Amino acid sequence: MFLNLTLLFWLILNPIGNVAPFVSFVGALERKRQFFVIAREMLIALGVLILALFFGEGFFHLLQIQTPALSVTGGIILFLISFRMIFSEPSSAETISKHVAEPLIVPLAVPLVAGPGILAAIILYSGAEAHTGFVLAAILTAWAACLPILLFAPWIKHLLGINGTIAVERIFGFIIVVIATQTIIQGLVTHLHS
């Protein structure tokens, strides 16, 4: 269960798919500064993910939104994200213009890393039977597995090339489609049984 949840979070975080955008936004900086900016943005993203874990479900309960609705909505968001991953144009990862100014929070930390898909998944699992510490450990493990990939994003982009990066992203997208479909089905079944 722990490995399944960690893998799910890692796939949704989509580190390979984020390689090209990260390189585009930090490419104009010196190499040491690139490391610093990426590490800082990843730490900010981790903070957002942890906030979602501890306060996301309570926020939705305050709005009287039930778990089946979260499940279906989370599945739909994952579905839309996976469609973007699968059907993105080969040049789409290259169309982000080079930025001279350092990115801060937006767009690297949020929404590229801490985007709606991972936030919805975290809130969904924090409201499930899984213990909060269990979900937190899965978040930390998935985040830690993404960190070196994004820290070495320029090298990985050079190694895979743009077509290799997009091919891997499409594989991730296909897996997330299946997960999204299962999440929607579970939400609908839970709603019908309640």
Protein backbone atom coordinates (compact mmCIF):
# COMPACT_ATOMS: atom_id res chain seq x y z
CA MET A 1 0.00 0.00 0.00
CA PHE A 2 2.79 2.44 0.90
CA LEU A 3 4.68 1.76 -2.34
CA ASN A 4 1.48 2.07 -4.36
CA LEU A 5 0.63 5.43 -2.81
CA THR A 6 4.21 6.70 -3.17
CA LEU A 7 4.31 5.65 -6.83
CA LEU A 8 0.95 7.32 -7.44
CA PHE A 9 2.16 10.59 -5.92
CA TRP A 10 5.44 10.37 -7.85
CA LEU A 11 3.63 9.82 -11.15
CA ILE A 12 1.30 12.77 -10.51
CA LEU A 13 4.24 14.99 -9.52
CA ASN A 14 5.54 14.11 -13.01
CA PRO A 15 9.24 14.96 -12.55
CA ILE A 16 10.25 13.90 -16.08
CA GLY A 17 7.47 15.98 -17.62
CA ASN A 18 8.61 18.97 -15.55
CA VAL A 19 12.24 18.75 -16.71
CA ALA A 20 11.78 20.93 -19.81
CA PRO A 21 9.73 23.67 -18.10
CA PHE A 22 12.19 23.79 -15.18
CA VAL A 23 15.12 24.15 -17.56
CA SER A 24 13.30 26.89 -19.45
CA PHE A 25 12.65 28.93 -16.31
CA VAL A 26 16.10 28.57 -14.75
CA GLY A 27 18.19 28.13 -17.90
CA ALA A 28 19.40 31.73 -17.95
CA LEU A 29 20.80 31.46 -14.40
CA GLU A 30 24.28 30.29 -13.42
CA ARG A 31 24.53 26.57 -12.65
CA LYS A 32 24.94 27.04 -8.87
CA ARG A 33 22.03 29.45 -8.82
CA GLN A 34 19.93 26.95 -10.78
CA PHE A 35 20.51 24.37 -8.03
CA PHE A 36 19.55 26.88 -5.34
CA VAL A 37 16.38 28.06 -7.12
CA ILE A 38 15.20 24.52 -7.90
CA ALA A 39 15.87 23.36 -4.32
CA ARG A 40 14.04 26.41 -2.92
CA GLU A 41 11.03 25.91 -5.20
CA MET A 42 10.87 22.21 -4.33
CA LEU A 43 10.88 23.04 -0.60
CA ILE A 44 8.07 25.54 -1.12
CA ALA A 45 6.12 22.92 -3.08
CA LEU A 46 6.65 20.41 -0.27
CA GLY A 47 5.26 22.93 2.20
CA VAL A 48 2.14 23.35 0.05
CA LEU A 49 1.70 19.57 -0.18
CA ILE A 50 1.96 19.18 3.60
CA LEU A 51 -0.53 22.02 4.14
CA ALA A 52 -2.95 20.21 1.81
CA LEU A 53 -2.51 17.01 3.83
CA PHE A 54 -3.28 18.59 7.19
CA PHE A 55 -5.82 21.25 6.25
CA GLY A 56 -7.28 20.29 2.87
CA GLU A 57 -9.85 17.79 4.09
CA GLY A 58 -10.97 20.09 6.93
CA PHE A 59 -11.48 22.91 4.46
CA PHE A 60 -13.74 20.76 2.29
CA HIS A 61 -15.65 19.48 5.32
CA LEU A 62 -16.25 23.11 6.26
CA LEU A 63 -17.83 23.52 2.81
CA GLN A 64 -19.83 20.29 3.45
CA ILE A 65 -18.24 18.52 0.49
CA GLN A 66 -18.28 14.75 0.95
CA THR A 67 -15.53 12.24 0.16
CA PRO A 68 -17.25 10.72 -2.95
CA ALA A 69 -17.43 14.20 -4.51
CA LEU A 70 -13.72 14.71 -3.78
CA SER A 71 -12.96 11.32 -5.28
CA VAL A 72 -14.84 12.01 -8.52
CA THR A 73 -13.44 15.56 -8.79
CA GLY A 74 -9.91 14.35 -8.10
CA GLY A 75 -10.33 11.69 -10.76
CA ILE A 76 -11.56 14.24 -13.30
CA ILE A 77 -8.60 16.55 -12.55
CA LEU A 78 -6.17 13.65 -12.94
CA PHE A 79 -7.93 12.69 -16.16
CA LEU A 80 -7.51 16.20 -17.60
CA ILE A 81 -3.86 16.35 -16.53
CA SER A 82 -3.16 12.95 -18.07
CA PHE A 83 -4.78 14.08 -21.33
CA ARG A 84 -2.44 17.07 -21.44
CA MET A 85 0.50 14.75 -20.78
CA ILE A 86 -0.50 12.26 -23.49
CA PHE A 87 -1.62 14.63 -26.23
CA SER A 88 0.85 17.51 -25.79
CA GLU A 89 2.52 18.68 -28.97
CA PRO A 90 6.20 17.69 -29.37
CA SER A 91 7.18 21.35 -29.34
CA SER A 92 5.03 22.34 -26.33
CA ALA A 93 7.77 21.82 -23.79
CA GLU A 94 10.00 24.18 -25.77
CA THR A 95 7.50 27.01 -26.18
CA ILE A 96 8.04 28.47 -22.71
CA SER A 97 10.23 31.49 -23.21
CA LYS A 98 13.49 31.95 -21.39
CA HIS A 99 13.12 34.06 -18.24
CA VAL A 100 15.85 36.25 -16.89
CA ALA A 101 14.18 36.91 -13.53
CA GLU A 102 14.22 34.13 -10.95
CA PRO A 103 10.90 32.34 -10.57
CA LEU A 104 9.49 32.49 -7.03
CA ILE A 105 6.65 30.14 -6.03
CA VAL A 106 4.87 30.56 -9.39
CA PRO A 107 5.17 28.72 -11.74
CA LEU A 108 7.71 26.13 -10.52
CA ALA A 109 6.57 25.37 -6.96
CA VAL A 110 2.91 26.03 -7.81
CA PRO A 111 1.44 24.76 -10.11
CA LEU A 112 4.19 22.71 -11.85
CA VAL A 113 5.02 20.64 -8.75
CA ALA A 114 2.21 21.33 -6.26
CA GLY A 115 -0.52 21.38 -8.88
CA PRO A 116 -4.22 20.57 -8.67
CA GLY A 117 -3.74 16.87 -9.44
CA ILE A 118 -1.38 16.09 -6.55
CA LEU A 119 -3.31 18.36 -4.16
CA ALA A 120 -6.57 16.57 -5.02
CA ALA A 121 -4.91 13.16 -4.56
CA ILE A 122 -3.45 14.14 -1.19
CA ILE A 123 -6.77 15.51 0.08
CA LEU A 124 -8.54 12.39 -1.19
CA TYR A 125 -6.17 10.00 0.58
CA SER A 126 -6.03 12.11 3.74
CA GLY A 127 -9.80 11.61 3.99
CA ALA A 128 -9.56 7.88 3.36
CA GLU A 129 -8.76 5.18 5.88
CA ALA A 130 -5.02 5.68 5.51
CA HIS A 131 -3.28 7.16 8.57
CA THR A 132 -2.04 10.75 8.18
CA GLY A 133 1.53 9.70 9.00
CA PHE A 134 1.32 7.04 6.30
CA VAL A 135 0.24 9.58 3.67
CA LEU A 136 2.87 12.05 4.88
CA ALA A 137 5.59 9.41 4.50
CA ALA A 138 4.39 8.70 0.95
CA ILE A 139 4.46 12.43 0.11
CA LEU A 140 7.98 12.84 1.50
CA THR A 141 9.26 9.75 -0.32
CA ALA A 142 7.71 10.76 -3.67
CA TRP A 143 9.01 14.33 -3.26
CA ALA A 144 12.50 13.06 -2.39
CA ALA A 145 12.45 10.86 -5.51
CA CYS A 146 11.53 13.90 -7.65
CA LEU A 147 14.15 16.22 -6.16
CA PRO A 148 17.32 14.79 -7.81
CA ILE A 149 15.55 14.52 -11.18
CA LEU A 150 14.64 18.20 -11.14
CA LEU A 151 17.96 19.32 -9.64
CA PHE A 152 19.70 17.70 -12.60
CA ALA A 153 16.98 18.75 -15.07
CA PRO A 154 19.38 20.41 -17.57
CA TRP A 155 21.51 17.26 -17.77
CA ILE A 156 18.46 14.97 -18.04
CA LYS A 157 16.95 17.13 -20.77
CA HIS A 158 20.21 16.90 -22.71
CA LEU A 159 20.37 13.11 -22.16
CA LEU A 160 16.78 12.30 -23.16
CA GLY A 161 16.31 15.02 -25.74
CA ILE A 162 12.95 16.69 -26.21
CA ASN A 163 11.36 13.63 -27.86
CA GLY A 164 12.56 11.29 -25.12
CA THR A 165 11.19 13.62 -22.45
CA ILE A 166 7.80 13.77 -24.15
CA ALA A 167 7.72 9.97 -24.67
CA VAL A 168 8.27 9.37 -20.95
CA GLU A 169 5.65 11.99 -20.07
CA ARG A 170 3.12 10.24 -22.31
CA ILE A 171 3.79 6.92 -20.59
CA PHE A 172 3.16 8.65 -17.23
CA GLY A 173 0.00 10.14 -18.70
CA PHE A 174 -1.35 6.74 -19.73
CA ILE A 175 -0.79 5.32 -16.25
CA ILE A 176 -2.52 8.33 -14.68
CA VAL A 177 -5.55 7.87 -17.01
CA VAL A 178 -6.03 4.40 -15.54
CA ILE A 179 -5.64 5.71 -11.99
CA ALA A 180 -8.07 8.57 -12.71
CA THR A 181 -10.67 6.16 -14.10
CA GLN A 182 -10.37 3.94 -11.02
CA THR A 183 -10.70 6.97 -8.72
CA ILE A 184 -13.88 8.13 -10.46
CA ILE A 185 -15.38 4.62 -10.33
CA GLN A 186 -14.59 4.31 -6.61
CA GLY A 187 -16.18 7.70 -5.93
CA LEU A 188 -19.34 6.78 -7.81
CA VAL A 189 -19.60 3.36 -6.12
CA THR A 190 -19.13 4.94 -2.67
CA HIS A 191 -21.82 7.52 -3.45
CA LEU A 192 -24.29 4.85 -4.65
CA HIS A 193 -23.71 2.75 -1.53
CA SER A 194 -24.17 5.68 0.87
